[in-house]
Amino acid sequence: MNRISEVSFRAVSLTTASRFAEASELYRAVFGYLDPAYGLNPRLLGALASNGGSVVGILDESDKLVAFAYGFCGTDRRGFYHYSQSAVVAADQQGHGLGRMLKHAQREVALSHGMSRMRWTYDPRQVRNAHFNLDVLGARGRWFAPDMYGPGTDRVIVEWDLTREQPAVPASMTELVMPTDPAELRSSFEGLLAQGLVAVSCRRLPDGTGAYYFGPADA
């Protein structure tokens, strides 16, 4: 029996100052931030929770916060969407499906506020994370943000249709074996997006490298 079946986890919306402080501490611990400039203000979480944002957590059997995510409302010419800024899982609880629980908890919050789309970013070189976003959740990689947080921080922006079941895999897809050079990955990714395609899948290949698969934008 695996750990996830032995322990009962539950997803909740965080609503109290003590939970916001606990979430901030977990955030710093997971990312290893020591500089206060990279911390997360508990008061900001309170403001988000009270004004249409998502501040959700996963509690274990002892009511300890072991995972946490937050997001807020965004807008573009198509209307409003929910933007998931960050999701963290305690180091000793990773690999137990809590990331998926967090995203679905945020989905419920977004839907309750009338939003049908959610966006977030990830590092395109992280195959496991890409596979989770594209293949497990069914989000689509629609935009590429070069140096989003500064040099060397390229990000893929995904969009998740909250009203659809898992989308079907396109019959025909274009493969991009991930190059080791970040600049080459950026150029290839942007080139395929410019053709009107979106990233629909990412899989690890037998040799340990990864490959992206692109399909039509409506896939």
C-alpha atoms as a PDB file:
ATOM      1  CA  MET A   1       0.000   0.000   0.000  1.00  0.00           C
ATOM      2  CA  ASN A   2       1.441   3.374  -0.958  1.00  0.00           C
ATOM      3  CA  ARG A   3       1.650   6.460   1.190  1.00  0.00           C
ATOM      4  CA  ILE A   4      -1.224   8.305  -0.464  1.00  0.00           C
ATOM      5  CA  SER A   5      -3.623   5.456   0.427  1.00  0.00           C
ATOM      6  CA  GLU A   6      -2.304   5.175   3.988  1.00  0.00           C
ATOM      7  CA  VAL A   7      -2.734   8.846   4.836  1.00  0.00           C
ATOM      8  CA  SER A   8      -5.925  10.832   4.471  1.00  0.00           C
ATOM      9  CA  PHE A   9      -5.366  14.225   2.855  1.00  0.00           C
ATOM     10  CA  ARG A  10      -8.008  16.873   2.333  1.00  0.00           C
ATOM     11  CA  ALA A  11      -8.111  20.059   0.296  1.00  0.00           C
ATOM     12  CA  VAL A  12      -9.364  23.224   1.972  1.00  0.00           C
ATOM     13  CA  SER A  13      -9.531  26.949   1.342  1.00  0.00           C
ATOM     14  CA  LEU A  14      -7.272  28.785   3.785  1.00  0.00           C
ATOM     15  CA  THR A  15      -9.127  31.559   5.591  1.00  0.00           C
ATOM     16  CA  THR A  16      -7.332  32.454   8.836  1.00  0.00           C
ATOM     17  CA  ALA A  17      -4.251  34.503   9.689  1.00  0.00           C
ATOM     18  CA  SER A  18      -2.590  31.477  11.275  1.00  0.00           C
ATOM     19  CA  ARG A  19      -3.078  29.416   8.111  1.00  0.00           C
ATOM     20  CA  PHE A  20      -1.756  32.240   5.942  1.00  0.00           C
ATOM     21  CA  ALA A  21       1.355  32.415   8.142  1.00  0.00           C
ATOM     22  CA  GLU A  22       1.752  28.638   7.924  1.00  0.00           C
ATOM     23  CA  ALA A  23       1.472  28.812   4.134  1.00  0.00           C
ATOM     24  CA  SER A  24       4.115  31.538   3.988  1.00  0.00           C
ATOM     25  CA  GLU A  25       6.494  29.413   6.066  1.00  0.00           C
ATOM     26  CA  LEU A  26       5.909  26.389   3.830  1.00  0.00           C
ATOM     27  CA  TYR A  27       6.556  28.510   0.747  1.00  0.00           C
ATOM     28  CA  ARG A  28       9.943  29.654   2.053  1.00  0.00           C
ATOM     29  CA  ALA A  29      10.889  26.161   3.197  1.00  0.00           C
ATOM     30  CA  VAL A  30      10.107  24.489  -0.130  1.00  0.00           C
ATOM     31  CA  PHE A  31      11.964  27.066  -2.218  1.00  0.00           C
ATOM     32  CA  GLY A  32      14.762  27.540   0.304  1.00  0.00           C
ATOM     33  CA  TYR A  33      14.392  31.308   0.349  1.00  0.00           C
ATOM     34  CA  LEU A  34      16.384  33.105   3.032  1.00  0.00           C
ATOM     35  CA  ASP A  35      16.157  36.626   1.622  1.00  0.00           C
ATOM     36  CA  PRO A  36      12.960  38.314   2.915  1.00  0.00           C
ATOM     37  CA  ALA A  37      12.572  39.903  -0.518  1.00  0.00           C
ATOM     38  CA  TYR A  38      11.560  36.481  -1.851  1.00  0.00           C
ATOM     39  CA  GLY A  39       9.091  35.727   0.913  1.00  0.00           C
ATOM     40  CA  LEU A  40       5.323  35.628   0.684  1.00  0.00           C
ATOM     41  CA  ASN A  41       3.376  38.133   2.767  1.00  0.00           C
ATOM     42  CA  PRO A  42       0.583  36.420   4.753  1.00  0.00           C
ATOM     43  CA  ARG A  43      -1.468  39.629   4.485  1.00  0.00           C
ATOM     44  CA  LEU A  44      -1.382  39.347   0.712  1.00  0.00           C
ATOM     45  CA  LEU A  45      -2.837  35.858   0.994  1.00  0.00           C
ATOM     46  CA  GLY A  46      -5.601  37.211   3.194  1.00  0.00           C
ATOM     47  CA  ALA A  47      -6.396  39.916   0.661  1.00  0.00           C
ATOM     48  CA  LEU A  48      -6.508  37.388  -2.176  1.00  0.00           C
ATOM     49  CA  ALA A  49      -8.732  35.005  -0.247  1.00  0.00           C
ATOM     50  CA  SER A  50     -11.191  37.828   0.469  1.00  0.00           C
ATOM     51  CA  ASN A  51     -11.277  39.241  -3.049  1.00  0.00           C
ATOM     52  CA  GLY A  52     -11.827  36.440  -5.519  1.00  0.00           C
ATOM     53  CA  GLY A  53      -8.400  34.814  -5.400  1.00  0.00           C
ATOM     54  CA  SER A  54      -7.549  31.241  -4.525  1.00  0.00           C
ATOM     55  CA  VAL A  55      -5.615  30.372  -1.363  1.00  0.00           C
ATOM     56  CA  VAL A  56      -5.911  26.619  -1.004  1.00  0.00           C
ATOM     57  CA  GLY A  57      -4.052  24.021   0.984  1.00  0.00           C
ATOM     58  CA  ILE A  58      -3.778  20.302   1.613  1.00  0.00           C
ATOM     59  CA  LEU A  59      -3.964  19.132   5.220  1.00  0.00           C
ATOM     60  CA  ASP A  60      -2.798  15.765   6.503  1.00  0.00           C
ATOM     61  CA  GLU A  61      -4.506  13.711   9.202  1.00  0.00           C
ATOM     62  CA  SER A  62      -3.040  15.910  11.940  1.00  0.00           C
ATOM     63  CA  ASP A  63      -4.294  19.081  10.191  1.00  0.00           C
ATOM     64  CA  LYS A  64      -0.756  20.072   9.265  1.00  0.00           C
ATOM     65  CA  LEU A  65      -0.458  22.079   6.059  1.00  0.00           C
ATOM     66  CA  VAL A  66       1.624  19.985   3.641  1.00  0.00           C
ATOM     67  CA  ALA A  67       0.832  21.706   0.332  1.00  0.00           C
ATOM     68  CA  PHE A  68      -0.383  25.121  -0.713  1.00  0.00           C
ATOM     69  CA  ALA A  69      -1.257  27.169  -3.800  1.00  0.00           C
ATOM     70  CA  TYR A  70      -2.499  30.656  -4.504  1.00  0.00           C
ATOM     71  CA  GLY A  71      -3.775  32.596  -7.476  1.00  0.00           C
ATOM     72  CA  PHE A  72      -5.819  35.584  -8.594  1.00  0.00           C
ATOM     73  CA  CYS A  73      -8.075  36.892 -11.327  1.00  0.00           C
ATOM     74  CA  GLY A  74      -6.551  37.985 -14.632  1.00  0.00           C
ATOM     75  CA  THR A  75      -8.080  39.392 -17.783  1.00  0.00           C
ATOM     76  CA  ASP A  76      -7.430  39.562 -21.520  1.00  0.00           C
ATOM     77  CA  ARG A  77      -9.477  40.356 -24.614  1.00  0.00           C
ATOM     78  CA  ARG A  78     -11.358  37.057 -24.187  1.00  0.00           C
ATOM     79  CA  GLY A  79     -12.516  37.897 -20.675  1.00  0.00           C
ATOM     80  CA  PHE A  80     -11.500  36.820 -17.189  1.00  0.00           C
ATOM     81  CA  TYR A  81      -9.357  33.861 -16.172  1.00  0.00           C
ATOM     82  CA  HIS A  82      -7.750  32.573 -12.988  1.00  0.00           C
ATOM     83  CA  TYR A  83      -3.970  32.820 -12.749  1.00  0.00           C
ATOM     84  CA  SER A  84      -2.226  30.313 -10.475  1.00  0.00           C
ATOM     85  CA  GLN A  85       0.921  32.053  -9.302  1.00  0.00           C
ATOM     86  CA  SER A  86       2.512  29.302  -7.246  1.00  0.00           C
ATOM     87  CA  ALA A  87       1.969  25.797  -5.863  1.00  0.00           C
ATOM     88  CA  VAL A  88       4.276  24.122  -3.342  1.00  0.00           C
ATOM     89  CA  VAL A  89       4.348  20.690  -1.727  1.00  0.00           C
ATOM     90  CA  ALA A  90       6.408  19.811   1.349  1.00  0.00           C
ATOM     91  CA  ALA A  91       9.554  17.877   0.425  1.00  0.00           C
ATOM     92  CA  ASP A  92       8.514  14.759   2.349  1.00  0.00           C
ATOM     93  CA  GLN A  93       5.088  14.677   0.666  1.00  0.00           C
ATOM     94  CA  GLN A  94       6.068  15.074  -2.981  1.00  0.00           C
ATOM     95  CA  GLY A  95       5.071  12.372  -5.446  1.00  0.00           C
ATOM     96  CA  HIS A  96       1.820  11.591  -3.647  1.00  0.00           C
ATOM     97  CA  GLY A  97      -0.617  13.351  -5.969  1.00  0.00           C
ATOM     98  CA  LEU A  98      -0.956  16.497  -3.871  1.00  0.00           C
ATOM     99  CA  GLY A  99      -0.094  18.790  -6.770  1.00  0.00           C
ATOM    100  CA  ARG A 100      -3.101  17.487  -8.643  1.00  0.00           C
ATOM    101  CA  MET A 101      -5.287  17.998  -5.571  1.00  0.00           C
ATOM    102  CA  LEU A 102      -4.108  21.615  -5.359  1.00  0.00           C
ATOM    103  CA  LYS A 103      -4.908  22.370  -8.984  1.00  0.00           C
ATOM    104  CA  HIS A 104      -8.373  20.856  -8.703  1.00  0.00           C
ATOM    105  CA  ALA A 105      -9.012  22.845  -5.521  1.00  0.00           C
ATOM    106  CA  GLN A 106      -8.046  26.018  -7.387  1.00  0.00           C
ATOM    107  CA  ARG A 107     -10.309  24.921 -10.229  1.00  0.00           C
ATOM    108  CA  GLU A 108     -13.271  24.800  -7.852  1.00  0.00           C
ATOM    109  CA  VAL A 109     -12.514  28.297  -6.568  1.00  0.00           C
ATOM    110  CA  ALA A 110     -12.179  29.677 -10.103  1.00  0.00           C
ATOM    111  CA  LEU A 111     -15.444  28.096 -11.224  1.00  0.00           C
ATOM    112  CA  SER A 112     -17.234  29.449  -8.154  1.00  0.00           C
ATOM    113  CA  HIS A 113     -16.233  32.961  -9.268  1.00  0.00           C
ATOM    114  CA  GLY A 114     -17.495  32.416 -12.806  1.00  0.00           C
ATOM    115  CA  MET A 115     -14.157  31.768 -14.496  1.00  0.00           C
ATOM    116  CA  SER A 116     -13.707  28.923 -16.972  1.00  0.00           C
ATOM    117  CA  ARG A 117      -9.969  29.194 -17.683  1.00  0.00           C
ATOM    118  CA  MET A 118      -6.850  28.912 -15.554  1.00  0.00           C
ATOM    119  CA  ARG A 119      -3.288  29.826 -16.461  1.00  0.00           C
ATOM    120  CA  TRP A 120       0.124  29.297 -14.903  1.00  0.00           C
ATOM    121  CA  THR A 121       3.746  28.920 -15.961  1.00  0.00           C
ATOM    122  CA  TYR A 122       6.456  26.280 -15.731  1.00  0.00           C
ATOM    123  CA  ASP A 123      10.087  25.780 -16.732  1.00  0.00           C
ATOM    124  CA  PRO A 124      10.049  24.131 -20.198  1.00  0.00           C
ATOM    125  CA  ARG A 125      13.141  22.061 -19.347  1.00  0.00           C
ATOM    126  CA  GLN A 126      11.376  20.218 -16.504  1.00  0.00           C
ATOM    127  CA  VAL A 127       9.978  17.123 -18.227  1.00  0.00           C
ATOM    128  CA  ARG A 128       8.102  15.778 -15.200  1.00  0.00           C
ATOM    129  CA  ASN A 129       6.350  19.083 -14.572  1.00  0.00           C
ATOM    130  CA  ALA A 130       5.556  19.530 -18.254  1.00  0.00           C
ATOM    131  CA  HIS A 131       4.036  16.033 -18.403  1.00  0.00           C
ATOM    132  CA  PHE A 132       1.898  16.780 -15.343  1.00  0.00           C
ATOM    133  CA  ASN A 133       0.593  20.048 -16.770  1.00  0.00           C
ATOM    134  CA  LEU A 134      -0.053  18.851 -20.316  1.00  0.00           C
ATOM    135  CA  ASP A 135      -0.814  15.129 -20.070  1.00  0.00           C
ATOM    136  CA  VAL A 136      -2.210  14.676 -16.557  1.00  0.00           C
ATOM    137  CA  LEU A 137      -4.240  17.884 -16.228  1.00  0.00           C
ATOM    138  CA  GLY A 138      -4.870  18.482 -19.922  1.00  0.00           C
ATOM    139  CA  ALA A 139      -3.658  22.093 -20.005  1.00  0.00           C
ATOM    140  CA  ARG A 140      -2.184  23.449 -23.226  1.00  0.00           C
ATOM    141  CA  GLY A 141       1.100  25.318 -23.673  1.00  0.00           C
ATOM    142  CA  ARG A 142      -0.032  28.371 -25.614  1.00  0.00           C
ATOM    143  CA  TRP A 143       2.645  31.019 -25.025  1.00  0.00           C
ATOM    144  CA  PHE A 144       6.380  31.217 -24.381  1.00  0.00           C
ATOM    145  CA  ALA A 145       7.777  33.903 -22.074  1.00  0.00           C
ATOM    146  CA  PRO A 146      11.538  34.375 -22.536  1.00  0.00           C
ATOM    147  CA  ASP A 147      13.438  35.389 -19.373  1.00  0.00           C
ATOM    148  CA  MET A 148      10.146  35.895 -17.554  1.00  0.00           C
ATOM    149  CA  TYR A 149      11.760  36.508 -14.156  1.00  0.00           C
ATOM    150  CA  GLY A 150      15.186  37.525 -15.445  1.00  0.00           C
ATOM    151  CA  PRO A 151      17.982  35.912 -17.496  1.00  0.00           C
ATOM    152  CA  GLY A 152      17.713  32.129 -17.694  1.00  0.00           C
ATOM    153  CA  THR A 153      14.091  31.925 -16.546  1.00  0.00           C
ATOM    154  CA  ASP A 154      12.204  31.022 -19.714  1.00  0.00           C
ATOM    155  CA  ARG A 155       8.671  29.892 -18.996  1.00  0.00           C
ATOM    156  CA  VAL A 156       5.822  28.220 -20.871  1.00  0.00           C
ATOM    157  CA  ILE A 157       2.398  29.709 -20.122  1.00  0.00           C
ATOM    158  CA  VAL A 158      -0.306  27.074 -20.113  1.00  0.00           C
ATOM    159  CA  GLU A 159      -4.058  27.490 -20.203  1.00  0.00           C
ATOM    160  CA  TRP A 160      -6.470  24.943 -18.728  1.00  0.00           C
ATOM    161  CA  ASP A 161     -10.092  24.839 -19.876  1.00  0.00           C
ATOM    162  CA  LEU A 162     -11.939  24.217 -16.610  1.00  0.00           C
ATOM    163  CA  THR A 163     -15.188  23.235 -18.328  1.00  0.00           C
ATOM    164  CA  ARG A 164     -13.839  20.351 -20.408  1.00  0.00           C
ATOM    165  CA  GLU A 165     -12.999  16.780 -19.581  1.00  0.00           C
ATOM    166  CA  GLN A 166      -9.527  15.550 -20.510  1.00  0.00           C
ATOM    167  CA  PRO A 167      -9.090  16.671 -24.145  1.00  0.00           C
ATOM    168  CA  ALA A 168      -8.475  14.067 -26.807  1.00  0.00           C
ATOM    169  CA  VAL A 169      -4.950  13.570 -28.103  1.00  0.00           C
ATOM    170  CA  PRO A 170      -4.699  14.978 -31.643  1.00  0.00           C
ATOM    171  CA  ALA A 171      -4.427  12.378 -34.396  1.00  0.00           C
ATOM    172  CA  SER A 172      -1.381  14.116 -35.826  1.00  0.00           C
ATOM    173  CA  MET A 173       1.286  15.804 -33.718  1.00  0.00           C
ATOM    174  CA  THR A 174       4.640  17.469 -34.319  1.00  0.00           C
ATOM    175  CA  GLU A 175       7.480  16.167 -32.167  1.00  0.00           C
ATOM    176  CA  LEU A 176      10.164  18.362 -30.620  1.00  0.00           C
ATOM    177  CA  VAL A 177      12.928  16.396 -28.927  1.00  0.00           C
ATOM    178  CA  MET A 178      14.183  18.698 -26.203  1.00  0.00           C
ATOM    179  CA  PRO A 179      17.599  20.136 -27.109  1.00  0.00           C
ATOM    180  CA  THR A 180      20.129  20.571 -24.328  1.00  0.00           C
ATOM    181  CA  ASP A 181      20.770  24.185 -25.309  1.00  0.00           C
ATOM    182  CA  PRO A 182      18.108  26.431 -23.686  1.00  0.00           C
ATOM    183  CA  ALA A 183      18.403  28.946 -26.534  1.00  0.00           C
ATOM    184  CA  GLU A 184      17.672  26.227 -29.080  1.00  0.00           C
ATOM    185  CA  LEU A 185      14.699  25.002 -27.041  1.00  0.00           C
ATOM    186  CA  ARG A 186      13.366  28.552 -26.887  1.00  0.00           C
ATOM    187  CA  SER A 187      13.742  29.083 -30.624  1.00  0.00           C
ATOM    188  CA  SER A 188      12.144  25.753 -31.542  1.00  0.00           C
ATOM    189  CA  PHE A 189       9.259  26.191 -29.097  1.00  0.00           C
ATOM    190  CA  GLU A 190       8.508  29.720 -30.253  1.00  0.00           C
ATOM    191  CA  GLY A 191       8.698  28.623 -33.884  1.00  0.00           C
ATOM    192  CA  LEU A 192       6.076  25.931 -33.424  1.00  0.00           C
ATOM    193  CA  LEU A 193       3.761  28.280 -31.502  1.00  0.00           C
ATOM    194  CA  ALA A 194       4.133  30.804 -34.337  1.00  0.00           C
ATOM    195  CA  GLN A 195       2.719  28.156 -36.686  1.00  0.00           C
ATOM    196  CA  GLY A 196      -0.510  28.182 -34.680  1.00  0.00           C
ATOM    197  CA  LEU A 197       0.292  25.011 -32.744  1.00  0.00           C
ATOM    198  CA  VAL A 198       0.174  24.466 -28.973  1.00  0.00           C
ATOM    199  CA  ALA A 199       2.059  22.063 -26.728  1.00  0.00           C
ATOM    200  CA  VAL A 200      -0.289  19.185 -25.900  1.00  0.00           C
ATOM    201  CA  SER A 201       2.053  16.571 -24.423  1.00  0.00           C
ATOM    202  CA  CYS A 202       5.521  16.023 -22.981  1.00  0.00           C
ATOM    203  CA  ARG A 203       7.005  12.576 -22.457  1.00  0.00           C
ATOM    204  CA  ARG A 204      10.297  11.154 -21.267  1.00  0.00           C
ATOM    205  CA  LEU A 205      12.093   9.157 -23.942  1.00  0.00           C
ATOM    206  CA  PRO A 206      13.893   5.830 -23.332  1.00  0.00           C
ATOM    207  CA  ASP A 207      17.287   7.560 -23.400  1.00  0.00           C
ATOM    208  CA  GLY A 208      16.247   9.848 -20.529  1.00  0.00           C
ATOM    209  CA  THR A 209      15.661  12.952 -22.620  1.00  0.00           C
ATOM    210  CA  GLY A 210      12.245  14.473 -23.149  1.00  0.00           C
ATOM    211  CA  ALA A 211      10.078  15.313 -26.120  1.00  0.00           C
ATOM    212  CA  TYR A 212       7.249  17.770 -26.605  1.00  0.00           C
ATOM    213  CA  TYR A 213       4.326  17.115 -28.930  1.00  0.00           C
ATOM    214  CA  PHE A 214       2.420  19.948 -30.562  1.00  0.00           C
ATOM    215  CA  GLY A 215      -1.052  19.924 -32.082  1.00  0.00           C
ATOM    216  CA  PRO A 216      -3.759  22.295 -33.304  1.00  0.00           C
ATOM    217  CA  ALA A 217      -4.651  25.179 -30.998  1.00  0.00           C
ATOM    218  CA  ASP A 218      -8.180  23.872 -30.468  1.00  0.00           C
ATOM    219  CA  ALA A 219      -6.953  20.430 -29.329  1.00  0.00           C
END
